[in-house]
PDB file of all heavy atoms in Angstrom:
ATOM      1  N   ASP A   1      54.432  81.763  82.673  1.00  0.00           N
ATOM      2  CA  ASP A   1      53.494  81.314  81.644  1.00  0.00           C
ATOM      3  C   ASP A   1      54.027  80.053  80.959  1.00  0.00           C
ATOM      4  O   ASP A   1      54.920  80.124  80.112  1.00  0.00           O
ATOM      5  CB  ASP A   1      53.293  82.429  80.621  1.00  0.00           C
ATOM      6  CG  ASP A   1      52.243  82.105  79.577  1.00  0.00           C
ATOM      7  OD1 ASP A   1      51.851  80.927  79.452  1.00  0.00           O
ATOM      8  OD2 ASP A   1      51.812  83.037  78.879  1.00  0.00           O
ATOM      9  N   ASN A   2      53.490  78.907  81.323  1.00  0.00           N
ATOM     10  CA  ASN A   2      53.969  77.635  80.760  1.00  0.00           C
ATOM     11  C   ASN A   2      53.587  77.451  79.298  1.00  0.00           C
ATOM     12  O   ASN A   2      54.250  76.710  78.575  1.00  0.00           O
ATOM     13  CB  ASN A   2      53.438  76.455  81.583  1.00  0.00           C
ATOM     14  CG  ASN A   2      54.127  76.379  82.927  1.00  0.00           C
ATOM     15  OD1 ASN A   2      55.300  76.687  83.050  1.00  0.00           O
ATOM     16  ND2 ASN A   2      53.377  75.987  83.944  1.00  0.00           N
ATOM     17  N   GLU A   3      52.545  78.124  78.860  1.00  0.00           N
ATOM     18  CA  GLU A   3      52.075  77.974  77.478  1.00  0.00           C
ATOM     19  C   GLU A   3      53.111  78.480  76.468  1.00  0.00           C
ATOM     20  O   GLU A   3      53.289  77.912  75.402  1.00  0.00           O
ATOM     21  CB  GLU A   3      50.757  78.736  77.308  1.00  0.00           C
ATOM     22  CG  GLU A   3      50.058  78.470  76.004  1.00  0.00           C
ATOM     23  CD  GLU A   3      48.710  79.164  75.976  1.00  0.00           C
ATOM     24  OE1 GLU A   3      47.914  78.946  76.913  1.00  0.00           O
ATOM     25  OE2 GLU A   3      48.478  79.907  75.017  1.00  0.00           O
ATOM     26  N   LYS A   4      53.802  79.554  76.822  1.00  0.00           N
ATOM     27  CA  LYS A   4      54.792  80.153  75.925  1.00  0.00           C
ATOM     28  C   LYS A   4      56.204  80.019  76.504  1.00  0.00           C
ATOM     29  O   LYS A   4      57.094  80.793  76.181  1.00  0.00           O
ATOM     30  CB  LYS A   4      54.476  81.628  75.718  1.00  0.00           C
ATOM     31  CG  LYS A   4      53.133  81.902  75.094  1.00  0.00           C
ATOM     32  CD  LYS A   4      52.919  83.386  74.955  1.00  0.00           C
ATOM     33  CE  LYS A   4      51.759  83.804  75.829  1.00  0.00           C
ATOM     34  NZ  LYS A   4      51.495  85.219  75.857  1.00  0.00           N
ATOM     35  N   TYR A   5      56.409  79.026  77.347  1.00  0.00           N
ATOM     36  CA  TYR A   5      57.638  78.891  78.122  1.00  0.00           C
ATOM     37  C   TYR A   5      58.897  78.928  77.255  1.00  0.00           C
ATOM     38  O   TYR A   5      59.801  79.713  77.514  1.00  0.00           O
ATOM     39  CB  TYR A   5      57.606  77.603  78.950  1.00  0.00           C
ATOM     40  CG  TYR A   5      58.826  77.432  79.803  1.00  0.00           C
ATOM     41  CD1 TYR A   5      58.875  77.989  81.073  1.00  0.00           C
ATOM     42  CD2 TYR A   5      59.946  76.740  79.340  1.00  0.00           C
ATOM     43  CE1 TYR A   5      59.987  77.864  81.863  1.00  0.00           C
ATOM     44  CE2 TYR A   5      61.078  76.617  80.130  1.00  0.00           C
ATOM     45  CZ  TYR A   5      61.091  77.171  81.387  1.00  0.00           C
ATOM     46  OH  TYR A   5      62.216  77.055  82.159  1.00  0.00           O
ATOM     47  N   ASN A   6      58.981  78.084  76.247  1.00  0.00           N
ATOM     48  CA  ASN A   6      60.219  77.957  75.470  1.00  0.00           C
ATOM     49  C   ASN A   6      60.621  79.252  74.774  1.00  0.00           C
ATOM     50  O   ASN A   6      61.787  79.659  74.825  1.00  0.00           O
ATOM     51  CB  ASN A   6      60.106  76.818  74.451  1.00  0.00           C
ATOM     52  CG  ASN A   6      60.096  75.466  75.118  1.00  0.00           C
ATOM     53  OD1 ASN A   6      60.632  75.295  76.203  1.00  0.00           O
ATOM     54  ND2 ASN A   6      59.461  74.502  74.467  1.00  0.00           N
ATOM     55  N   ILE A   7      59.678  79.892  74.137  1.00  0.00           N
ATOM     56  CA  ILE A   7      60.022  81.126  73.418  1.00  0.00           C
ATOM     57  C   ILE A   7      60.356  82.245  74.389  1.00  0.00           C
ATOM     58  O   ILE A   7      61.298  83.017  74.180  1.00  0.00           O
ATOM     59  CB  ILE A   7      58.910  81.554  72.422  1.00  0.00           C
ATOM     60  CG1 ILE A   7      59.367  82.741  71.584  1.00  0.00           C
ATOM     61  CG2 ILE A   7      57.646  81.941  73.111  1.00  0.00           C
ATOM     62  CD1 ILE A   7      59.697  82.383  70.197  1.00  0.00           C
ATOM     63  N   LEU A   8      59.613  82.329  75.502  1.00  0.00           N
ATOM     64  CA  LEU A   8      59.885  83.370  76.481  1.00  0.00           C
ATOM     65  C   LEU A   8      61.242  83.152  77.159  1.00  0.00           C
ATOM     66  O   LEU A   8      61.978  84.101  77.406  1.00  0.00           O
ATOM     67  CB  LEU A   8      58.770  83.438  77.526  1.00  0.00           C
ATOM     68  CG  LEU A   8      57.414  83.935  77.002  1.00  0.00           C
ATOM     69  CD1 LEU A   8      56.344  83.780  78.065  1.00  0.00           C
ATOM     70  CD2 LEU A   8      57.506  85.374  76.534  1.00  0.00           C
ATOM     71  N   LYS A   9      61.576  81.911  77.434  1.00  0.00           N
ATOM     72  CA  LYS A   9      62.868  81.595  78.049  1.00  0.00           C
ATOM     73  C   LYS A   9      64.014  81.975  77.098  1.00  0.00           C
ATOM     74  O   LYS A   9      65.021  82.538  77.530  1.00  0.00           O
ATOM     75  CB  LYS A   9      62.923  80.104  78.405  1.00  0.00           C
ATOM     76  CG  LYS A   9      64.075  79.731  79.283  1.00  0.00           C
ATOM     77  CD  LYS A   9      63.933  80.348  80.663  1.00  0.00           C
ATOM     78  CE  LYS A   9      65.003  79.844  81.605  1.00  0.00           C
ATOM     79  NZ  LYS A   9      64.946  80.501  82.900  1.00  0.00           N
ATOM     80  N   THR A  10      63.834  81.683  75.825  1.00  0.00           N
ATOM     81  CA  THR A  10      64.840  82.058  74.832  1.00  0.00           C
ATOM     82  C   THR A  10      64.989  83.578  74.754  1.00  0.00           C
ATOM     83  O   THR A  10      66.111  84.097  74.726  1.00  0.00           O
ATOM     84  CB  THR A  10      64.464  81.489  73.446  1.00  0.00           C
ATOM     85  OG1 THR A  10      64.391  80.070  73.543  1.00  0.00           O
ATOM     86  CG2 THR A  10      65.469  81.886  72.383  1.00  0.00           C
ATOM     87  N   LEU A  11      63.868  84.275  74.719  1.00  0.00           N
ATOM     88  CA  LEU A  11      63.912  85.738  74.677  1.00  0.00           C
ATOM     89  C   LEU A  11      64.591  86.299  75.925  1.00  0.00           C
ATOM     90  O   LEU A  11      65.377  87.245  75.848  1.00  0.00           O
ATOM     91  CB  LEU A  11      62.505  86.316  74.545  1.00  0.00           C
ATOM     92  CG  LEU A  11      61.824  86.127  73.193  1.00  0.00           C
ATOM     93  CD1 LEU A  11      60.354  86.530  73.275  1.00  0.00           C
ATOM     94  CD2 LEU A  11      62.542  86.932  72.124  1.00  0.00           C
ATOM     95  N   MET A  12      64.306  85.700  77.082  1.00  0.00           N
ATOM     96  CA  MET A  12      64.895  86.172  78.325  1.00  0.00           C
ATOM     97  C   MET A  12      66.414  85.961  78.318  1.00  0.00           C
ATOM     98  O   MET A  12      67.172  86.853  78.710  1.00  0.00           O
ATOM     99  CB  MET A  12      64.260  85.490  79.537  1.00  0.00           C
ATOM    100  CG  MET A  12      64.671  86.137  80.848  1.00  0.00           C
ATOM    101  SD  MET A  12      63.564  85.795  82.217  1.00  0.00           S
ATOM    102  CE  MET A  12      64.181  84.220  82.752  1.00  0.00           C
ATOM    103  N   LYS A  13      66.868  84.822  77.859  1.00  0.00           N
ATOM    104  CA  LYS A  13      68.313  84.568  77.777  1.00  0.00           C
ATOM    105  C   LYS A  13      68.983  85.588  76.857  1.00  0.00           C
ATOM    106  O   LYS A  13      70.064  86.096  77.166  1.00  0.00           O
ATOM    107  CB  LYS A  13      68.581  83.148  77.272  1.00  0.00           C
ATOM    108  CG  LYS A  13      68.324  82.080  78.290  1.00  0.00           C
ATOM    109  CD  LYS A  13      68.595  80.708  77.720  1.00  0.00           C
ATOM    110  CE  LYS A  13      68.249  79.623  78.719  1.00  0.00           C
ATOM    111  NZ  LYS A  13      68.437  78.279  78.184  1.00  0.00           N
ATOM    112  N   ASN A  14      68.350  85.880  75.732  1.00  0.00           N
ATOM    113  CA  ASN A  14      68.898  86.864  74.798  1.00  0.00           C
ATOM    114  C   ASN A  14      68.928  88.259  75.408  1.00  0.00           C
ATOM    115  O   ASN A  14      69.891  89.012  75.212  1.00  0.00           O
ATOM    116  CB  ASN A  14      68.111  86.872  73.489  1.00  0.00           C
ATOM    117  CG  ASN A  14      68.328  85.625  72.677  1.00  0.00           C
ATOM    118  OD1 ASN A  14      69.340  84.947  72.805  1.00  0.00           O
ATOM    119  ND2 ASN A  14      67.357  85.298  71.839  1.00  0.00           N
ATOM    120  N   GLU A  15      67.888  88.603  76.133  1.00  0.00           N
ATOM    121  CA  GLU A  15      67.812  89.914  76.789  1.00  0.00           C
ATOM    122  C   GLU A  15      68.915  90.045  77.846  1.00  0.00           C
ATOM    123  O   GLU A  15      69.588  91.080  77.929  1.00  0.00           O
ATOM    124  CB  GLU A  15      66.435  90.100  77.442  1.00  0.00           C
ATOM    125  CG  GLU A  15      66.203  91.466  78.025  1.00  0.00           C
ATOM    126  CD  GLU A  15      66.124  92.565  76.992  1.00  0.00           C
ATOM    127  OE1 GLU A  15      65.708  92.301  75.857  1.00  0.00           O
ATOM    128  OE2 GLU A  15      66.500  93.709  77.324  1.00  0.00           O
ATOM    129  N   ILE A  16      69.129  88.996  78.623  1.00  0.00           N
ATOM    130  CA  ILE A  16      70.181  89.004  79.644  1.00  0.00           C
ATOM    131  C   ILE A  16      71.552  89.156  78.991  1.00  0.00           C
ATOM    132  O   ILE A  16      72.371  89.978  79.419  1.00  0.00           O
ATOM    133  CB  ILE A  16      70.115  87.732  80.511  1.00  0.00           C
ATOM    134  CG1 ILE A  16      68.845  87.740  81.375  1.00  0.00           C
ATOM    135  CG2 ILE A  16      71.356  87.597  81.387  1.00  0.00           C
ATOM    136  CD1 ILE A  16      68.529  86.405  82.051  1.00  0.00           C
ATOM    137  N   ARG A  17      71.799  88.394  77.956  1.00  0.00           N
ATOM    138  CA  ARG A  17      73.081  88.452  77.256  1.00  0.00           C
ATOM    139  C   ARG A  17      73.318  89.853  76.675  1.00  0.00           C
ATOM    140  O   ARG A  17      74.404  90.426  76.810  1.00  0.00           O
ATOM    141  CB  ARG A  17      73.149  87.392  76.153  1.00  0.00           C
ATOM    142  CG  ARG A  17      74.532  87.310  75.502  1.00  0.00           C
ATOM    143  CD  ARG A  17      74.618  86.271  74.405  1.00  0.00           C
ATOM    144  NE  ARG A  17      73.785  86.636  73.268  1.00  0.00           N
ATOM    145  CZ  ARG A  17      72.740  85.940  72.822  1.00  0.00           C
ATOM    146  NH1 ARG A  17      72.403  84.803  73.378  1.00  0.00           N
ATOM    147  NH2 ARG A  17      72.040  86.350  71.790  1.00  0.00           N
ATOM    148  N   SER A  18      72.306  90.420  76.060  1.00  0.00           N
ATOM    149  CA  SER A  18      72.432  91.761  75.467  1.00  0.00           C
ATOM    150  C   SER A  18      72.691  92.817  76.540  1.00  0.00           C
ATOM    151  O   SER A  18      73.531  93.704  76.354  1.00  0.00           O
ATOM    152  CB  SER A  18      71.158  92.127  74.705  1.00  0.00           C
ATOM    153  OG  SER A  18      70.982  91.287  73.607  1.00  0.00           O
ATOM    154  N   PHE A  19      71.989  92.706  77.654  1.00  0.00           N
ATOM    155  CA  PHE A  19      72.160  93.682  78.722  1.00  0.00           C
ATOM    156  C   PHE A  19      73.555  93.598  79.325  1.00  0.00           C
ATOM    157  O   PHE A  19      74.189  94.624  79.587  1.00  0.00           O
ATOM    158  CB  PHE A  19      71.096  93.480  79.806  1.00  0.00           C
ATOM    159  CG  PHE A  19      71.178  94.493  80.918  1.00  0.00           C
ATOM    160  CD1 PHE A  19      70.901  95.827  80.692  1.00  0.00           C
ATOM    161  CD2 PHE A  19      71.542  94.107  82.200  1.00  0.00           C
ATOM    162  CE1 PHE A  19      70.985  96.759  81.709  1.00  0.00           C
ATOM    163  CE2 PHE A  19      71.619  95.017  83.233  1.00  0.00           C
ATOM    164  CZ  PHE A  19      71.344  96.358  82.985  1.00  0.00           C
ATOM    165  N   LYS A  20      74.054  92.391  79.519  1.00  0.00           N
ATOM    166  CA  LYS A  20      75.414  92.224  80.048  1.00  0.00           C
ATOM    167  C   LYS A  20      76.430  92.895  79.124  1.00  0.00           C
ATOM    168  O   LYS A  20      77.363  93.561  79.579  1.00  0.00           O
ATOM    169  CB  LYS A  20      75.769  90.744  80.192  1.00  0.00           C
ATOM    170  CG  LYS A  20      75.141  90.061  81.373  1.00  0.00           C
ATOM    171  CD  LYS A  20      75.575  88.596  81.374  1.00  0.00           C
ATOM    172  CE  LYS A  20      75.064  87.824  82.536  1.00  0.00           C
ATOM    173  NZ  LYS A  20      75.481  86.401  82.487  1.00  0.00           N
ATOM    174  N   THR A  21      76.248  92.727  77.823  1.00  0.00           N
ATOM    175  CA  THR A  21      77.150  93.340  76.846  1.00  0.00           C
ATOM    176  C   THR A  21      77.066  94.863  76.919  1.00  0.00           C
ATOM    177  O   THR A  21      78.095  95.549  76.919  1.00  0.00           O
ATOM    178  CB  THR A  21      76.813  92.858  75.421  1.00  0.00           C
ATOM    179  OG1 THR A  21      76.919  91.434  75.383  1.00  0.00           O
ATOM    180  CG2 THR A  21      77.742  93.472  74.391  1.00  0.00           C
ATOM    181  N   LEU A  22      75.850  95.387  77.001  1.00  0.00           N
ATOM    182  CA  LEU A  22      75.654  96.832  77.082  1.00  0.00           C
ATOM    183  C   LEU A  22      76.300  97.414  78.327  1.00  0.00           C
ATOM    184  O   LEU A  22      77.003  98.422  78.274  1.00  0.00           O
ATOM    185  CB  LEU A  22      74.161  97.173  77.118  1.00  0.00           C
ATOM    186  CG  LEU A  22      73.451  97.368  75.804  1.00  0.00           C
ATOM    187  CD1 LEU A  22      71.969  97.591  76.041  1.00  0.00           C
ATOM    188  CD2 LEU A  22      74.037  98.531  75.044  1.00  0.00           C
ATOM    189  N   VAL A  23      76.046  96.792  79.457  1.00  0.00           N
ATOM    190  CA  VAL A  23      76.541  97.310  80.730  1.00  0.00           C
ATOM    191  C   VAL A  23      78.062  97.323  80.770  1.00  0.00           C
ATOM    192  O   VAL A  23      78.667  98.229  81.338  1.00  0.00           O
ATOM    193  CB  VAL A  23      75.960  96.499  81.908  1.00  0.00           C
ATOM    194  CG1 VAL A  23      76.666  96.798  83.208  1.00  0.00           C
ATOM    195  CG2 VAL A  23      74.479  96.773  82.051  1.00  0.00           C
ATOM    196  N   ASN A  24      78.671  96.333  80.144  1.00  0.00           N
ATOM    197  CA  ASN A  24      80.131  96.249  80.143  1.00  0.00           C
ATOM    198  C   ASN A  24      80.783  97.093  79.050  1.00  0.00           C
ATOM    199  O   ASN A  24      81.997  97.125  78.946  1.00  0.00           O
ATOM    200  CB  ASN A  24      80.577  94.790  80.024  1.00  0.00           C
ATOM    201  CG  ASN A  24      80.226  94.013  81.270  1.00  0.00           C
ATOM    202  OD1 ASN A  24      80.337  94.518  82.385  1.00  0.00           O
ATOM    203  ND2 ASN A  24      79.784  92.785  81.097  1.00  0.00           N
ATOM    204  N   SER A  25      79.975  97.757  78.249  1.00  0.00           N
ATOM    205  CA  SER A  25      80.533  98.612  77.197  1.00  0.00           C
ATOM    206  C   SER A  25      80.830  99.996  77.776  1.00  0.00           C
ATOM    207  O   SER A  25      80.484 100.310  78.913  1.00  0.00           O
ATOM    208  CB  SER A  25      79.547  98.717  76.028  1.00  0.00           C
ATOM    209  OG  SER A  25      78.397  99.432  76.415  1.00  0.00           O
ATOM    210  N   ASP A  26      81.453 100.798  76.973  1.00  0.00           N
ATOM    211  CA  ASP A  26      81.815 102.152  77.385  1.00  0.00           C
ATOM    212  C   ASP A  26      80.626 103.075  77.140  1.00  0.00           C
ATOM    213  O   ASP A  26      80.480 103.648  76.064  1.00  0.00           O
ATOM    214  CB  ASP A  26      83.050 102.616  76.599  1.00  0.00           C
ATOM    215  CG  ASP A  26      83.555 103.956  77.077  1.00  0.00           C
ATOM    216  OD1 ASP A  26      83.334 104.292  78.251  1.00  0.00           O
ATOM    217  OD2 ASP A  26      84.168 104.670  76.261  1.00  0.00           O
ATOM    218  N   MET A  27      79.764 103.176  78.144  1.00  0.00           N
ATOM    219  CA  MET A  27      78.593 104.034  78.000  1.00  0.00           C
ATOM    220  C   MET A  27      78.490 104.958  79.208  1.00  0.00           C
ATOM    221  O   MET A  27      79.072 104.692  80.256  1.00  0.00           O
ATOM    222  CB  MET A  27      77.318 103.203  77.815  1.00  0.00           C
ATOM    223  CG  MET A  27      76.999 102.257  78.926  1.00  0.00           C
ATOM    224  SD  MET A  27      75.649 101.049  78.653  1.00  0.00           S
ATOM    225  CE  MET A  27      74.530 101.767  77.577  1.00  0.00           C
ATOM    226  N   SER A  28      77.750 106.024  79.042  1.00  0.00           N
ATOM    227  CA  SER A  28      77.594 107.004  80.115  1.00  0.00           C
ATOM    228  C   SER A  28      76.714 106.437  81.227  1.00  0.00           C
ATOM    229  O   SER A  28      75.981 105.458  81.030  1.00  0.00           O
ATOM    230  CB  SER A  28      76.957 108.286  79.567  1.00  0.00           C
ATOM    231  OG  SER A  28      75.611 108.034  79.189  1.00  0.00           O
ATOM    232  N   ILE A  29      76.775 107.063  82.372  1.00  0.00           N
ATOM    233  CA  ILE A  29      75.922 106.648  83.490  1.00  0.00           C
ATOM    234  C   ILE A  29      74.455 106.812  83.099  1.00  0.00           C
ATOM    235  O   ILE A  29      73.633 105.933  83.386  1.00  0.00           O
ATOM    236  CB  ILE A  29      76.265 107.450  84.772  1.00  0.00           C
ATOM    237  CG1 ILE A  29      77.622 107.002  85.307  1.00  0.00           C
ATOM    238  CG2 ILE A  29      75.184 107.271  85.830  1.00  0.00           C
ATOM    239  CD1 ILE A  29      78.094 107.743  86.537  1.00  0.00           C
ATOM    240  N   GLU A  30      74.134 107.894  82.427  1.00  0.00           N
ATOM    241  CA  GLU A  30      72.752 108.131  81.997  1.00  0.00           C
ATOM    242  C   GLU A  30      72.259 106.997  81.088  1.00  0.00           C
ATOM    243  O   GLU A  30      71.141 106.507  81.238  1.00  0.00           O
ATOM    244  CB  GLU A  30      72.642 109.469  81.276  1.00  0.00           C
ATOM    245  CG  GLU A  30      71.229 109.796  80.830  1.00  0.00           C
ATOM    246  CD  GLU A  30      71.145 111.124  80.085  1.00  0.00           C
ATOM    247  OE1 GLU A  30      72.186 111.774  79.861  1.00  0.00           O
ATOM    248  OE2 GLU A  30      70.020 111.487  79.721  1.00  0.00           O
ATOM    249  N   ALA A  31      73.094 106.577  80.157  1.00  0.00           N
ATOM    250  CA  ALA A  31      72.718 105.486  79.255  1.00  0.00           C
ATOM    251  C   ALA A  31      72.567 104.172  80.027  1.00  0.00           C
ATOM    252  O   ALA A  31      71.666 103.379  79.739  1.00  0.00           O
ATOM    253  CB  ALA A  31      73.752 105.336  78.148  1.00  0.00           C
ATOM    254  N   ARG A  32      73.433 103.944  81.018  1.00  0.00           N
ATOM    255  CA  ARG A  32      73.303 102.729  81.841  1.00  0.00           C
ATOM    256  C   ARG A  32      72.010 102.738  82.643  1.00  0.00           C
ATOM    257  O   ARG A  32      71.371 101.713  82.794  1.00  0.00           O
ATOM    258  CB  ARG A  32      74.498 102.598  82.785  1.00  0.00           C
ATOM    259  CG  ARG A  32      75.696 101.992  82.142  1.00  0.00           C
ATOM    260  CD  ARG A  32      76.691 101.494  83.186  1.00  0.00           C
ATOM    261  NE  ARG A  32      77.819 100.899  82.514  1.00  0.00           N
ATOM    262  CZ  ARG A  32      79.002 101.487  82.357  1.00  0.00           C
ATOM    263  NH1 ARG A  32      79.205 102.687  82.851  1.00  0.00           N
ATOM    264  NH2 ARG A  32      79.965 100.865  81.723  1.00  0.00           N
ATOM    265  N   ILE A  33      71.653 103.905  83.172  1.00  0.00           N
ATOM    266  CA  ILE A  33      70.397 104.021  83.921  1.00  0.00           C
ATOM    267  C   ILE A  33      69.225 103.682  83.016  1.00  0.00           C
ATOM    268  O   ILE A  33      68.349 102.887  83.380  1.00  0.00           O
ATOM    269  CB  ILE A  33      70.245 105.440  84.530  1.00  0.00           C
ATOM    270  CG1 ILE A  33      71.280 105.661  85.635  1.00  0.00           C
ATOM    271  CG2 ILE A  33      68.826 105.657  85.059  1.00  0.00           C
ATOM    272  CD1 ILE A  33      71.384 107.104  86.121  1.00  0.00           C
ATOM    273  N   ASP A  34      69.199 104.269  81.821  1.00  0.00           N
ATOM    274  CA  ASP A  34      68.111 103.993  80.871  1.00  0.00           C
ATOM    275  C   ASP A  34      68.069 102.509  80.502  1.00  0.00           C
ATOM    276  O   ASP A  34      66.985 101.917  80.424  1.00  0.00           O
ATOM    277  CB  ASP A  34      68.276 104.836  79.606  1.00  0.00           C
ATOM    278  CG  ASP A  34      68.019 106.313  79.845  1.00  0.00           C
ATOM    279  OD1 ASP A  34      67.421 106.661  80.887  1.00  0.00           O
ATOM    280  OD2 ASP A  34      68.432 107.125  78.984  1.00  0.00           O
ATOM    281  N   SER A  35      69.225 101.913  80.285  1.00  0.00           N
ATOM    282  CA  SER A  35      69.288 100.487  79.939  1.00  0.00           C
ATOM    283  C   SER A  35      68.792  99.619  81.085  1.00  0.00           C
ATOM    284  O   SER A  35      68.107  98.622  80.866  1.00  0.00           O
ATOM    285  CB  SER A  35      70.716 100.093  79.565  1.00  0.00           C
ATOM    286  OG  SER A  35      71.123 100.754  78.405  1.00  0.00           O
ATOM    287  N   LEU A  36      69.139  99.993  82.314  1.00  0.00           N
ATOM    288  CA  LEU A  36      68.687  99.241  83.483  1.00  0.00           C
ATOM    289  C   LEU A  36      67.168  99.288  83.610  1.00  0.00           C
ATOM    290  O   LEU A  36      66.533  98.265  83.875  1.00  0.00           O
ATOM    291  CB  LEU A  36      69.349  99.784  84.756  1.00  0.00           C
ATOM    292  CG  LEU A  36      68.928  99.144  86.081  1.00  0.00           C
ATOM    293  CD1 LEU A  36      69.209  97.640  86.090  1.00  0.00           C
ATOM    294  CD2 LEU A  36      69.631  99.842  87.248  1.00  0.00           C
ATOM    295  N   ILE A  37      66.598 100.449  83.406  1.00  0.00           N
ATOM    296  CA  ILE A  37      65.133 100.583  83.469  1.00  0.00           C
ATOM    297  C   ILE A  37      64.484  99.683  82.420  1.00  0.00           C
ATOM    298  O   ILE A  37      63.564  98.911  82.728  1.00  0.00           O
ATOM    299  CB  ILE A  37      64.706 102.059  83.257  1.00  0.00           C
ATOM    300  CG1 ILE A  37      65.193 102.913  84.427  1.00  0.00           C
ATOM    301  CG2 ILE A  37      63.186 102.164  83.082  1.00  0.00           C
ATOM    302  CD1 ILE A  37      65.123 104.406  84.165  1.00  0.00           C
ATOM    303  N   PHE A  38      64.957  99.775  81.195  1.00  0.00           N
ATOM    304  CA  PHE A  38      64.395  98.963  80.110  1.00  0.00           C
ATOM    305  C   PHE A  38      64.570  97.472  80.395  1.00  0.00           C
ATOM    306  O   PHE A  38      63.662  96.673  80.171  1.00  0.00           O
ATOM    307  CB  PHE A  38      65.046  99.343  78.775  1.00  0.00           C
ATOM    308  CG  PHE A  38      64.493  98.567  77.622  1.00  0.00           C
ATOM    309  CD1 PHE A  38      63.274  98.913  77.069  1.00  0.00           C
ATOM    310  CD2 PHE A  38      65.170  97.474  77.102  1.00  0.00           C
ATOM    311  CE1 PHE A  38      62.735  98.186  76.007  1.00  0.00           C
ATOM    312  CE2 PHE A  38      64.648  96.745  76.053  1.00  0.00           C
ATOM    313  CZ  PHE A  38      63.427  97.094  75.503  1.00  0.00           C
ATOM    314  N   PHE A  39      65.747  97.086  80.894  1.00  0.00           N
ATOM    315  CA  PHE A  39      66.021  95.682  81.202  1.00  0.00           C
ATOM    316  C   PHE A  39      65.042  95.157  82.253  1.00  0.00           C
ATOM    317  O   PHE A  39      64.463  94.076  82.081  1.00  0.00           O
ATOM    318  CB  PHE A  39      67.459  95.520  81.692  1.00  0.00           C
ATOM    319  CG  PHE A  39      67.807  94.114  82.096  1.00  0.00           C
ATOM    320  CD1 PHE A  39      67.995  93.131  81.140  1.00  0.00           C
ATOM    321  CD2 PHE A  39      67.946  93.781  83.430  1.00  0.00           C
ATOM    322  CE1 PHE A  39      68.314  91.826  81.507  1.00  0.00           C
ATOM    323  CE2 PHE A  39      68.266  92.486  83.808  1.00  0.00           C
ATOM    324  CZ  PHE A  39      68.452  91.500  82.847  1.00  0.00           C
ATOM    325  N   CYS A  40      64.853  95.905  83.320  1.00  0.00           N
ATOM    326  CA  CYS A  40      63.934  95.457  84.379  1.00  0.00           C
ATOM    327  C   CYS A  40      62.521  95.271  83.846  1.00  0.00           C
ATOM    328  O   CYS A  40      61.879  94.250  84.113  1.00  0.00           O
ATOM    329  CB  CYS A  40      63.940  96.449  85.544  1.00  0.00           C
ATOM    330  SG  CYS A  40      65.443  96.438  86.531  1.00  0.00           S
ATOM    331  N   VAL A  41      62.056  96.230  83.074  1.00  0.00           N
ATOM    332  CA  VAL A  41      60.706  96.136  82.505  1.00  0.00           C
ATOM    333  C   VAL A  41      60.604  94.943  81.554  1.00  0.00           C
ATOM    334  O   VAL A  41      59.624  94.184  81.596  1.00  0.00           O
ATOM    335  CB  VAL A  41      60.319  97.455  81.790  1.00  0.00           C
ATOM    336  CG1 VAL A  41      59.017  97.296  81.008  1.00  0.00           C
ATOM    337  CG2 VAL A  41      60.209  98.586  82.797  1.00  0.00           C
TER     338      VAL A  41
END
């Protein structure tokens, strides 16, 4: 979507950064699975 490109790109970068932090934290496999599902969506 080029109309909302800048804001969506910023949100996507933030989402990627947050997910990387979550995945590298000390969390259970179940929590990682849930985070992966949410991240993909």
